[in-house]
Amino acid sequence: QVQLVESGGGLVQPGGSLRLSCAASGFSLDSYIIGWFRQAPGKEREGVSCISSSDDFTYYTDSVKGRFAIARDNAKNTVYLQMNSLKPEDTAVYYCAADKSGSGSYDYWGQGTQVTVSS
């Protein structure tokens, strides 16, 4: 069964850190572009970060540059999103997705993990 499962979300104070994990089953992540997206209540989904299949390209939306880092562990078939210096505006449901062709049309999506940044 093809599946992406996110984990690592939770409640954290402003300035804190979380590491999100995106674990794949039923397929190998190493040939896919992996993207992280988020959606806050009442807002559209936005792309946060992505990593190419060869790990030679990463992207970050402006609001997270310098604070978030994406990384892949092919041995664990997992992609991580390290989130530091978290702000209340980072509060959202975070999703990972896998794109085989590089067209931007993601083939598989996870169910999401909630990140809440609040004091």
C-alpha atoms as a PDB file:
ATOM      1  CA  GLN A   1       0.000   0.000   0.000  1.00  0.00           C
ATOM      2  CA  VAL A   2       1.409   3.364  -1.053  1.00  0.00           C
ATOM      3  CA  GLN A   3       1.384   5.755   1.846  1.00  0.00           C
ATOM      4  CA  LEU A   4       2.978   8.922   3.187  1.00  0.00           C
ATOM      5  CA  VAL A   5       2.756   9.509   6.915  1.00  0.00           C
ATOM      6  CA  GLU A   6       3.707  12.751   8.619  1.00  0.00           C
ATOM      7  CA  SER A   7       4.632  12.945  12.273  1.00  0.00           C
ATOM      8  CA  GLY A   8       6.342  15.269  14.703  1.00  0.00           C
ATOM      9  CA  GLY A   9       3.780  18.015  14.969  1.00  0.00           C
ATOM     10  CA  GLY A  10       2.594  19.437  18.259  1.00  0.00           C
ATOM     11  CA  LEU A  11       2.323  22.491  20.449  1.00  0.00           C
ATOM     12  CA  VAL A  12       5.445  24.597  20.856  1.00  0.00           C
ATOM     13  CA  GLN A  13       6.172  28.039  22.263  1.00  0.00           C
ATOM     14  CA  PRO A  14       7.339  30.856  20.006  1.00  0.00           C
ATOM     15  CA  GLY A  15      11.039  30.507  19.363  1.00  0.00           C
ATOM     16  CA  GLY A  16      10.911  26.757  19.789  1.00  0.00           C
ATOM     17  CA  SER A  17      11.711  23.961  17.367  1.00  0.00           C
ATOM     18  CA  LEU A  18      10.036  20.920  15.890  1.00  0.00           C
ATOM     19  CA  ARG A  19      11.165  18.301  13.409  1.00  0.00           C
ATOM     20  CA  LEU A  20       8.533  16.922  11.109  1.00  0.00           C
ATOM     21  CA  SER A  21       8.993  13.536   9.481  1.00  0.00           C
ATOM     22  CA  CYS A  22       7.479  12.257   6.247  1.00  0.00           C
ATOM     23  CA  ALA A  23       7.811   8.485   6.023  1.00  0.00           C
ATOM     24  CA  ALA A  24       6.942   6.571   2.872  1.00  0.00           C
ATOM     25  CA  SER A  25       5.725   3.025   2.527  1.00  0.00           C
ATOM     26  CA  GLY A  26       4.980   1.090  -0.633  1.00  0.00           C
ATOM     27  CA  PHE A  27       7.418   3.108  -2.731  1.00  0.00           C
ATOM     28  CA  SER A  28      10.892   4.570  -2.546  1.00  0.00           C
ATOM     29  CA  LEU A  29      11.175   8.284  -1.871  1.00  0.00           C
ATOM     30  CA  ASP A  30      14.604   8.613  -3.454  1.00  0.00           C
ATOM     31  CA  SER A  31      13.239   9.038  -6.967  1.00  0.00           C
ATOM     32  CA  TYR A  32      10.667  11.663  -6.018  1.00  0.00           C
ATOM     33  CA  ILE A  33      10.668  15.375  -5.414  1.00  0.00           C
ATOM     34  CA  ILE A  34       9.303  15.812  -1.900  1.00  0.00           C
ATOM     35  CA  GLY A  35       7.414  18.905  -0.925  1.00  0.00           C
ATOM     36  CA  TRP A  36       6.162  20.242   2.382  1.00  0.00           C
ATOM     37  CA  PHE A  37       2.989  22.299   2.365  1.00  0.00           C
ATOM     38  CA  ARG A  38       0.917  23.917   5.069  1.00  0.00           C
ATOM     39  CA  GLN A  39      -2.598  25.188   5.465  1.00  0.00           C
ATOM     40  CA  ALA A  40      -3.754  27.484   8.228  1.00  0.00           C
ATOM     41  CA  PRO A  41      -7.435  27.906   9.108  1.00  0.00           C
ATOM     42  CA  GLY A  42      -9.173  30.139   6.586  1.00  0.00           C
ATOM     43  CA  LYS A  43      -6.125  30.310   4.336  1.00  0.00           C
ATOM     44  CA  GLU A  44      -5.067  28.619   1.143  1.00  0.00           C
ATOM     45  CA  ARG A  45      -2.517  25.852   1.154  1.00  0.00           C
ATOM     46  CA  GLU A  46       1.004  27.132   0.556  1.00  0.00           C
ATOM     47  CA  GLY A  47       4.229  25.469  -0.432  1.00  0.00           C
ATOM     48  CA  VAL A  48       6.805  25.667   2.340  1.00  0.00           C
ATOM     49  CA  SER A  49       9.791  23.724   1.074  1.00  0.00           C
ATOM     50  CA  CYS A  50      10.822  21.042  -1.371  1.00  0.00           C
ATOM     51  CA  ILE A  51      13.843  18.904  -2.166  1.00  0.00           C
ATOM     52  CA  SER A  52      14.796  17.425  -5.503  1.00  0.00           C
ATOM     53  CA  SER A  53      15.146  13.685  -6.005  1.00  0.00           C
ATOM     54  CA  SER A  54      18.918  14.042  -6.273  1.00  0.00           C
ATOM     55  CA  ASP A  55      19.116  16.367  -3.248  1.00  0.00           C
ATOM     56  CA  ASP A  56      20.931  18.984  -5.317  1.00  0.00           C
ATOM     57  CA  PHE A  57      18.123  21.533  -5.120  1.00  0.00           C
ATOM     58  CA  THR A  58      16.057  22.813  -2.247  1.00  0.00           C
ATOM     59  CA  TYR A  59      13.426  25.503  -2.090  1.00  0.00           C
ATOM     60  CA  TYR A  60      12.032  27.514   0.805  1.00  0.00           C
ATOM     61  CA  THR A  61       9.269  30.041   0.786  1.00  0.00           C
ATOM     62  CA  ASP A  62      10.509  33.447   1.892  1.00  0.00           C
ATOM     63  CA  SER A  63       8.786  33.395   5.262  1.00  0.00           C
ATOM     64  CA  VAL A  64      10.734  30.322   6.447  1.00  0.00           C
ATOM     65  CA  LYS A  65      14.167  30.930   4.885  1.00  0.00           C
ATOM     66  CA  GLY A  66      16.901  30.688   7.469  1.00  0.00           C
ATOM     67  CA  ARG A  67      14.582  28.975   9.959  1.00  0.00           C
ATOM     68  CA  PHE A  68      13.508  25.723   8.262  1.00  0.00           C
ATOM     69  CA  ALA A  69      15.663  23.017   6.705  1.00  0.00           C
ATOM     70  CA  ILE A  70      14.603  20.070   4.574  1.00  0.00           C
ATOM     71  CA  ALA A  71      16.621  16.864   4.425  1.00  0.00           C
ATOM     72  CA  ARG A  72      16.242  13.356   3.111  1.00  0.00           C
ATOM     73  CA  ASP A  73      17.331  10.040   4.644  1.00  0.00           C
ATOM     74  CA  ASN A  74      17.002   7.455   1.888  1.00  0.00           C
ATOM     75  CA  ALA A  75      18.001   4.611   4.195  1.00  0.00           C
ATOM     76  CA  LYS A  76      14.932   5.373   6.305  1.00  0.00           C
ATOM     77  CA  ASN A  77      12.790   6.322   3.298  1.00  0.00           C
ATOM     78  CA  THR A  78      11.982   9.525   5.140  1.00  0.00           C
ATOM     79  CA  VAL A  79      12.178  13.259   4.531  1.00  0.00           C
ATOM     80  CA  TYR A  80      12.441  15.704   7.417  1.00  0.00           C
ATOM     81  CA  LEU A  81      11.549  19.325   7.915  1.00  0.00           C
ATOM     82  CA  GLN A  82      13.510  20.894  10.752  1.00  0.00           C
ATOM     83  CA  MET A  83      11.689  23.986  11.953  1.00  0.00           C
ATOM     84  CA  ASN A  84      13.509  26.426  14.224  1.00  0.00           C
ATOM     85  CA  SER A  85      12.630  29.840  15.643  1.00  0.00           C
ATOM     86  CA  LEU A  86       8.972  29.043  15.222  1.00  0.00           C
ATOM     87  CA  LYS A  87       6.476  31.885  15.103  1.00  0.00           C
ATOM     88  CA  PRO A  88       2.720  31.932  15.754  1.00  0.00           C
ATOM     89  CA  GLU A  89       2.187  32.492  12.037  1.00  0.00           C
ATOM     90  CA  ASP A  90       3.741  29.068  11.377  1.00  0.00           C
ATOM     91  CA  THR A  91       0.682  27.483  12.956  1.00  0.00           C
ATOM     92  CA  ALA A  92      -0.952  25.213  10.386  1.00  0.00           C
ATOM     93  CA  VAL A  93      -1.504  21.650   9.313  1.00  0.00           C
ATOM     94  CA  TYR A  94       1.649  20.510   7.553  1.00  0.00           C
ATOM     95  CA  TYR A  95       1.509  18.032   4.697  1.00  0.00           C
ATOM     96  CA  CYS A  96       4.186  16.251   2.718  1.00  0.00           C
ATOM     97  CA  ALA A  97       3.755  15.154  -0.869  1.00  0.00           C
ATOM     98  CA  ALA A  98       5.721  13.209  -3.480  1.00  0.00           C
ATOM     99  CA  ASP A  99       6.129  14.179  -7.140  1.00  0.00           C
ATOM    100  CA  LYS A 100       7.629  11.623  -9.523  1.00  0.00           C
ATOM    101  CA  SER A 101       7.680  13.584 -12.767  1.00  0.00           C
ATOM    102  CA  GLY A 102       8.753  16.981 -11.488  1.00  0.00           C
ATOM    103  CA  SER A 103       5.725  18.591 -13.089  1.00  0.00           C
ATOM    104  CA  GLY A 104       4.469  20.014  -9.824  1.00  0.00           C
ATOM    105  CA  SER A 105       1.551  17.620  -9.873  1.00  0.00           C
ATOM    106  CA  TYR A 106       2.108  15.633  -6.711  1.00  0.00           C
ATOM    107  CA  ASP A 107       1.279  11.944  -6.894  1.00  0.00           C
ATOM    108  CA  TYR A 108       0.949  11.120  -3.201  1.00  0.00           C
ATOM    109  CA  TRP A 109      -0.055  13.148  -0.159  1.00  0.00           C
ATOM    110  CA  GLY A 110       0.109  12.489   3.548  1.00  0.00           C
ATOM    111  CA  GLN A 111      -2.719  13.076   5.973  1.00  0.00           C
ATOM    112  CA  GLY A 112      -1.100  16.047   7.670  1.00  0.00           C
ATOM    113  CA  THR A 113       0.251  16.878  11.107  1.00  0.00           C
ATOM    114  CA  GLN A 114      -0.825  19.845  13.222  1.00  0.00           C
ATOM    115  CA  VAL A 115       1.759  22.410  14.285  1.00  0.00           C
ATOM    116  CA  THR A 116       0.632  24.993  16.814  1.00  0.00           C
ATOM    117  CA  VAL A 117       2.951  27.783  17.935  1.00  0.00           C
ATOM    118  CA  SER A 118       1.555  29.532  20.962  1.00  0.00           C
ATOM    119  CA  SER A 119       2.555  30.730  24.415  1.00  0.00           C
END
